[in-house]
Protein backbone atom coordinates (compact mmCIF):
# COMPACT_ATOMS: atom_id res chain seq x y z
CA MET A 1 5.41 -16.27 6.89
CA THR A 2 4.81 -12.83 7.90
CA LYS A 3 8.04 -10.57 6.52
CA ARG A 4 10.02 -8.69 8.96
CA LEU A 5 10.31 -4.66 9.42
CA VAL A 6 12.69 -3.00 7.46
CA LEU A 7 14.29 -0.24 9.56
CA VAL A 8 15.43 1.96 7.09
CA ASP A 9 18.35 4.09 7.93
CA SER A 10 18.99 7.92 6.95
CA SER A 11 22.05 6.75 4.71
CA ALA A 12 18.88 4.44 2.91
CA LEU A 13 16.16 7.37 2.84
CA ILE A 14 18.77 9.72 0.97
CA ASP A 15 19.47 7.10 -1.55
CA PHE A 16 15.89 6.83 -1.90
CA SER A 17 14.87 10.18 -1.94
CA ARG A 18 16.79 10.54 -5.02
CA ASN A 19 14.21 9.21 -6.98
CA ALA A 20 17.56 7.45 -9.09
CA PRO A 21 17.19 3.68 -9.77
CA SER A 22 19.50 1.86 -6.91
CA PRO A 23 18.94 -1.55 -5.48
CA ILE A 24 18.72 0.19 -1.86
CA ALA A 25 16.24 2.46 -3.31
CA ASP A 26 14.12 -0.53 -4.80
CA VAL A 27 13.97 -2.29 -1.37
CA VAL A 28 12.65 0.59 0.31
CA GLN A 29 10.11 1.29 -2.31
CA ALA A 30 9.06 -2.40 -1.80
CA ALA A 31 9.10 -2.09 2.39
CA VAL A 32 6.82 0.80 1.55
CA GLU A 33 4.53 -0.62 -0.58
CA GLU A 34 4.13 -3.66 1.70
CA ARG A 35 3.60 -1.41 4.86
CA ARG A 36 6.88 -3.23 6.31
CA ALA A 37 8.91 0.37 6.32
CA ALA A 38 9.93 2.33 9.34
CA VAL A 39 12.04 4.74 10.57
CA CYS A 40 12.65 5.88 14.55
CA VAL A 41 13.85 9.94 15.48
CA VAL A 42 16.91 9.72 15.14
CA ILE A 43 17.31 8.45 11.12
CA ALA A 44 14.05 11.15 11.31
CA ALA A 45 16.31 14.10 12.47
CA GLU A 46 19.22 12.66 10.54
CA VAL A 47 17.41 13.33 6.71
CA LEU A 48 15.81 16.42 7.82
CA THR A 49 18.37 18.18 8.81
CA GLY A 50 20.23 17.19 5.31
CA CYS A 51 17.36 18.45 3.46
CA ARG A 52 18.53 21.35 1.33
CA THR A 53 15.15 23.30 0.70
CA ALA A 54 11.61 23.94 2.80
CA ALA A 55 10.20 22.28 0.01
CA GLU A 56 12.31 19.13 0.31
CA TYR A 57 11.89 19.62 3.91
CA ARG A 58 8.12 18.96 4.05
CA ARG A 59 8.26 16.37 1.32
CA MET A 60 10.04 14.04 3.67
CA GLN A 61 7.81 15.10 6.81
CA LEU A 62 4.95 13.42 4.52
CA TRP A 63 7.35 10.52 3.81
CA LEU A 64 8.35 9.98 7.56
CA ALA A 65 4.57 10.33 8.61
CA SER A 66 3.64 7.28 5.65
CA VAL A 67 5.84 4.75 7.46
CA ARG A 68 5.60 3.02 10.94
CA TRP A 69 7.78 4.99 13.75
CA LEU A 70 9.57 2.70 16.15
CA PRO A 71 10.21 3.98 19.50
CA LEU A 72 13.34 5.15 21.05
CA THR A 73 13.40 3.65 24.59
CA ASP A 74 15.22 4.04 27.76
CA GLU A 75 16.22 0.20 26.74
CA CYS A 76 17.80 1.50 23.47
CA TRP A 77 19.68 4.54 25.01
CA SER A 78 21.18 1.92 27.84
CA ARG A 79 22.20 -1.08 24.54
CA ALA A 80 23.51 1.71 22.83
CA ALA A 81 26.13 2.32 25.63
CA ALA A 82 26.36 -1.01 26.34
CA LEU A 83 27.29 -1.18 22.18
CA GLY A 84 29.89 1.32 22.20
CA PHE A 85 31.64 -0.15 25.37
CA ASN A 86 32.14 -3.23 23.81
CA LEU A 87 33.08 -1.57 20.43
CA ARG A 88 35.50 0.49 22.21
CA ARG A 89 37.19 -2.64 23.74
CA SER A 90 38.17 -3.95 20.34
CA GLY A 91 39.23 -0.50 19.20
CA ILE A 92 36.21 0.62 17.20
CA THR A 93 34.47 4.16 18.01
CA VAL A 94 31.47 4.49 16.25
CA PRO A 95 28.45 7.51 16.60
CA LEU A 96 25.97 7.63 19.15
CA THR A 97 23.47 7.68 16.73
CA ASP A 98 24.53 4.62 14.29
CA ARG A 99 24.40 2.94 18.05
CA LEU A 100 20.95 3.67 18.74
CA VAL A 101 19.44 3.26 15.13
CA ILE A 102 21.21 -0.74 15.00
CA VAL A 103 19.51 -1.09 18.44
CA THR A 104 16.52 -0.40 17.45
CA ALA A 105 16.31 -2.28 15.09
CA ARG A 106 17.61 -5.20 17.06
CA LEU A 107 14.72 -4.64 19.53
CA HIS A 108 11.88 -4.61 17.31
CA ASP A 109 13.68 -7.93 15.27
CA ALA A 110 13.71 -5.12 11.78
CA GLU A 111 15.92 -5.99 9.28
CA LEU A 112 18.43 -2.83 9.05
CA LEU A 113 18.42 -1.35 5.61
CA HIS A 114 21.65 1.24 5.00
CA HIS A 115 24.49 2.10 3.44
CA ASP A 116 26.94 3.32 6.21
CA ALA A 117 30.25 1.58 6.67
CA HIS A 118 29.60 1.92 10.36
CA PHE A 119 26.80 -0.73 10.79
CA ASP A 120 29.16 -2.95 9.24
CA LEU A 121 31.89 -2.36 11.57
CA ILE A 122 28.98 -3.12 14.40
CA GLY A 123 28.29 -6.54 13.23
CA ASP A 124 27.60 -8.94 15.82
CA THR A 125 29.00 -6.89 18.21
CA PRO A 126 26.69 -7.44 21.97
CA ASP A 127 24.51 -4.45 23.12
CA THR A 128 24.94 -5.87 26.48
CA VAL A 129 27.84 -5.97 28.73
CA GLN A 130 28.53 -9.54 29.91
């Protein structure tokens, strides 16, 4: 049985980049070693924006270049909008960046590795309007 891709959210990637032992860092490391780690442009932009030094920025660029990139397609944008619509109807507001990340994971049948409460709020909320 083939293991699923792991879309590593910026929240998990920040934890991993600290080089301190943690359960999330262990999962990221395993996904990297198994060549199942993935990112998308939203995650890359978030992580690179948070770098503290030019050296850290360059290290993160190298790491990002070593993993699989999942495309952010027109369908991702459409589903992120529908997801936002469905969430707002339930009284929940989640940033567009997080909605884009989760629909990218869903469209690619990837496990989403995160340390962000917004994803817990989204849960199984559909990303299409019925």
